[in-house]
């Protein structure tokens, strides 16, 4: 492995003086003058889990001393791990080599709760550290005999970006996140899924990358594993874990054409994996790692296609020899597959100047609140269903206490030592519940106990969203649900679709700001019937499609605004035109024809009476083919949700909302009843009074029966006296005494 990073300290200093440091060119960033050579000192670990599972290092960075605590991460490599190589252009060989998996770690910086660390210790320390809103890379100087390492701080620069140094994904609407729930301290907890999601990733390495690593297959495998480990550390905060299920190395030739067109590369790779890779093994996502210098971007992905086998793919271009930057590019492109859009720097926050999903970011390893919300929306729409299956037990047999994921025999996992100080319910060293605790995590865990049934754990976020409630039996809030697609919203001016109210005015406001409205029909007709980049109903065979008049409202969005001055929206061009005196405007964003245009009217947008847009066509709402009818199945006293169940109005009981009651519930087994305590108390009082009344009646009956018995006995006695002359046969006390006195003994 020495040959992989064979720069010496002398050579590094020479490069620094010349200003030609190789990794300074990645993504066209300007880095701070902070580069430092340090010697990390390994600290003796006194924990019960031994040296290999927990490691600590002391590092002097920038004149300050820091302690890095690391926990071994051993669940991200599949138990059966194939590596494919080629001896010729068509014949591949498969091996299952021994993989060293005990030298990959996640961790934190002592004293910094929000810090993130992802490091490999296989050959020195290689990875990243993020704390104090700063990002550092660390790499070993392998020619050093003194365990010397290079630490470099990555800083964001507001340089103008060139196409060749940015992500290839283009979004016309860069104001998409301006209306999000931002800067909320509980934002990540609310929107992060309580259920762990696993991305089973297969990585293909190009001939250029293989050659760059001196045709060393072992070096290629180790670099890929190191990148996956670091990317996994970045996704850990989202409760998403990456599992590497295999690697293919194009050792002879590239099996897809590497052209100047990023779109062609991605499409060619997708076609290849469908024909060649999919028949071989099961995986969720395929990544192509490139080194070729002819590429116009550093990566491109199919947007929101993680669970679509034919499109779940991306490519990433590795530049330089720092795995930290390669891992960021990898994590960024994977984020697009998971439904994340590019961050708007003015509206998205991650505690740093730049976040992981910024168009040109490698200065941060953290996801923004916008990215968290994007993925939550994508999951709620069913886009990540394929990630919920737990990989084979052999692959995840080893649980990792301290990674904030409850796995194996763990009862809880509060994270690192600093984070566990804020969680009194979980024991840091053993990942077990503290004495008396029944839970430690989740929105329905309050003071280490299950929250009261009926507590709102996820409020509705908009008109088309539905609230969720705790059930009193679990710490987890139920999966997020929303109103069934096709449910009217915005005073019947739109329809709910995938949890959002879709209507033309709303889309115009998202793009151009408040006060904007949808333009008159003449604007849609004039623009979208042209069938060009300024107005169309999609594309087919690399040609724009002209809209028919009945579909004009489902083509490209057309807006109007009371302010006539141009509105700045990213780097898109604003197109103004005035058919028949109406002032219309839309956006033109430079993009290839076959890339999704965010200015297309959204599916679900109302385009007529009982009609909505689907795939650029104005169709009947009945085309949605939904199973639940709120009038029929919910008896007009509730709404249908996205899983076909009834969310009953307050005062009506599930599952069909047909009876009045004290419950409010979303679908069968989805939430629990909300009881009115005052009504319950009156009910208890009523039952008590009824029992008391019955008891009084029983006592009265018993008394009456006793009186009746006594009267009968008295009547019998009187009848007997009458039969004996009317005198009772009794003896006086004096006669009795005399009789005893005249005993024969006298």
Foldseek 3Di string as FASTA:
>chain_A
DCVQQVQAPVNQVVCVVVVNAFVCPALNFHFDPAKDKWAWDKDDDPFPPDDLQKTKTWIQGPNDIWIKIKGADFQQEFPAAWEWEDPALPDIDIDRDDDPRSFWIWTAIPPFPPKTWTWGPPQATFAWIDGPQWIKTKDFNNVDPRSMIMIGTGDGDPDDGALQNWAPDDAQFQLQQQPPDAPDPCLLVQLQDPAAFEFAEEEEEFCQRCVSSVVDPVVVVVLVVSLQRRLQRLCLSSNYGYHYRYYYYHNYHGNFDDAQDQVRRLLRVLVCCVVPVVVPDDGQAYEYEAADPSYSYQKAADALQRRPSSGRYMYGYDTDSHSLQVSLRVSQRNLRNLQFAAHNQVRWDDPHSHDSRHGSDSGYSHHTSRSSNRNSLSVQLVSRVVRNDDPDCVSRVDDIAQSQRQDDPAQGHQHDPVSCVVFQQADRSRNHGDPPAPHTDEQQQDPRAGHDAFQFSHPQDDPFWHTWTGARPDRYTFRTWGFAWQPADPVNQFTDDSRDTFALQVLQCSRQNPQKGFFDLVVLQVAQQVQDLRHALADDPQGGHRADSQLSPQIFTKMDHPDPDDGDRPPWDWDWDADPRTIIIGTRDDDRRHRDHNRGRDFRYARDDQWTDDSSHTGHSCVVVADEDCCPQQVVQFGAIHVGFTQGHQQADDRNSPDGDHAGDTGDPNGTGDGDVVVVVVVVVVVVVVVVVVVVVVVVVVVVVVVVVVVVVVVVVCVVCVVVVNDDDDDDPVVVVVVVVVPVVD
